[in-house]
Amino acid sequence: MNPSITSLLQQAVPLQAYLLLSAVLFTLGVIGFLVKRNLITVFMSIELMLNAVNLSFVTFAHQWHAVKGQIFVFFVMMVAAAEAAVGLAIIIAVFRARATLAVDRIDLMKL
């Protein structure tokens, strides 16, 4: 690719746009976590917050030409995948035991 086209593509979206998108996604995740009462929606809000933080890490890693941020994103994605597997298993177990996914109606950890 032509070097001038490469530099133009790199300058097309400023750093602030990525950080603003990350902040909006994180805010939507926090609002979803605090407002919604469905366990699946709360779980998806947590995943949205993790992905917003990952976007910030990748943005700063690209800005500073450092690989450390991208490596940290990889580890966060591994933790999110493990959380998704364990979290969904817990959600299924709660639904089978209580027949509801409403957070207000699940008051005991004991099944």
Protein backbone atom coordinates (compact mmCIF):
# COMPACT_ATOMS: atom_id res chain seq x y z
CA MET A 1 0.00 0.00 0.00
CA ASN A 2 1.13 3.52 -0.71
CA PRO A 3 2.73 5.16 2.36
CA SER A 4 0.65 8.32 1.94
CA ILE A 5 -2.58 6.26 1.90
CA THR A 6 -1.45 4.38 5.00
CA SER A 7 -0.75 7.60 6.89
CA LEU A 8 -4.10 9.02 5.74
CA LEU A 9 -5.94 5.95 7.02
CA GLN A 10 -4.15 6.17 10.36
CA GLN A 11 -5.12 9.83 10.74
CA ALA A 12 -8.75 9.35 9.65
CA VAL A 13 -10.17 8.58 13.11
CA PRO A 14 -8.71 10.52 16.04
CA LEU A 15 -7.83 8.98 19.39
CA GLN A 16 -10.61 10.89 21.12
CA ALA A 17 -13.27 9.19 18.97
CA TYR A 18 -12.19 5.74 20.15
CA LEU A 19 -12.06 6.86 23.76
CA LEU A 20 -15.48 8.51 23.47
CA LEU A 21 -16.92 5.32 22.00
CA SER A 22 -15.34 3.33 24.81
CA ALA A 23 -16.78 5.69 27.42
CA VAL A 24 -20.25 5.49 25.85
CA LEU A 25 -20.14 1.69 25.75
CA PHE A 26 -18.94 1.51 29.34
CA THR A 27 -21.68 3.93 30.46
CA LEU A 28 -24.33 1.87 28.67
CA GLY A 29 -22.99 -1.23 30.41
CA VAL A 30 -23.16 0.43 33.83
CA ILE A 31 -26.69 1.68 33.16
CA GLY A 32 -27.76 -1.77 32.01
CA PHE A 33 -26.19 -3.34 35.08
CA LEU A 34 -27.89 -0.94 37.49
CA VAL A 35 -31.31 -0.65 35.84
CA LYS A 36 -32.15 -4.03 34.37
CA ARG A 37 -33.55 -6.82 36.51
CA ASN A 38 -33.02 -9.75 34.16
CA LEU A 39 -29.96 -11.88 34.94
CA ILE A 40 -29.09 -12.33 31.25
CA THR A 41 -29.21 -8.56 30.65
CA VAL A 42 -27.01 -7.92 33.69
CA PHE A 43 -24.55 -10.52 32.38
CA MET A 44 -24.50 -8.89 28.92
CA SER A 45 -23.93 -5.48 30.53
CA ILE A 46 -20.86 -6.79 32.33
CA GLU A 47 -19.52 -8.14 29.03
CA LEU A 48 -20.18 -4.75 27.40
CA MET A 49 -18.15 -3.03 30.11
CA LEU A 50 -15.26 -5.48 29.62
CA ASN A 51 -15.27 -4.85 25.87
CA ALA A 52 -15.32 -1.08 26.41
CA VAL A 53 -12.21 -1.35 28.57
CA ASN A 54 -10.59 -3.56 25.93
CA LEU A 55 -11.25 -0.88 23.31
CA SER A 56 -9.45 1.66 25.50
CA PHE A 57 -6.49 -0.67 25.99
CA VAL A 58 -6.16 -1.28 22.25
CA THR A 59 -6.49 2.44 21.53
CA PHE A 60 -3.70 3.39 23.91
CA ALA A 61 -1.53 0.48 22.77
CA HIS A 62 -1.86 1.70 19.18
CA GLN A 63 -1.21 5.31 20.17
CA TRP A 64 1.94 4.51 22.14
CA HIS A 65 3.13 1.75 19.76
CA ALA A 66 3.25 -0.72 22.65
CA VAL A 67 2.24 -4.35 22.56
CA LYS A 68 1.59 -4.52 26.31
CA GLY A 69 -1.95 -3.17 25.98
CA GLN A 70 -2.84 -5.71 23.31
CA ILE A 71 -1.43 -8.54 25.42
CA PHE A 72 -3.48 -7.31 28.38
CA VAL A 73 -6.58 -7.30 26.13
CA PHE A 74 -5.86 -10.91 25.24
CA PHE A 75 -5.84 -11.88 28.92
CA VAL A 76 -9.02 -9.90 29.59
CA MET A 77 -10.70 -11.73 26.70
CA MET A 78 -9.63 -15.07 28.19
CA VAL A 79 -11.10 -14.11 31.55
CA ALA A 80 -14.30 -12.90 29.84
CA ALA A 81 -14.62 -16.22 28.00
CA ALA A 82 -14.18 -18.16 31.23
CA GLU A 83 -16.66 -15.85 32.93
CA ALA A 84 -19.15 -16.42 30.13
CA ALA A 85 -18.89 -20.19 30.44
CA VAL A 86 -19.16 -20.26 34.22
CA GLY A 87 -21.73 -17.46 34.35
CA LEU A 88 -24.03 -19.07 31.82
CA ALA A 89 -23.81 -22.37 33.69
CA ILE A 90 -24.80 -20.60 36.91
CA ILE A 91 -27.65 -18.80 35.14
CA ILE A 92 -28.97 -22.09 33.76
CA ALA A 93 -28.76 -23.70 37.20
CA VAL A 94 -30.60 -20.77 38.81
CA PHE A 95 -33.30 -20.86 36.15
CA ARG A 96 -33.82 -24.59 36.58
CA ALA A 97 -34.07 -24.25 40.35
CA ARG A 98 -36.14 -21.04 40.57
CA ALA A 99 -37.90 -20.89 37.16
CA THR A 100 -37.08 -17.18 36.94
CA LEU A 101 -34.21 -14.94 35.90
CA ALA A 102 -35.42 -11.83 37.73
CA VAL A 103 -32.65 -10.53 39.97
CA ASP A 104 -35.16 -9.32 42.57
CA ARG A 105 -36.64 -12.78 43.00
CA ILE A 106 -33.29 -14.56 43.40
CA ASP A 107 -32.43 -13.74 46.98
CA LEU A 108 -30.55 -16.81 48.15
CA MET A 109 -27.35 -18.27 46.79
CA LYS A 110 -28.39 -21.67 48.03
CA LEU A 111 -30.28 -23.67 45.40
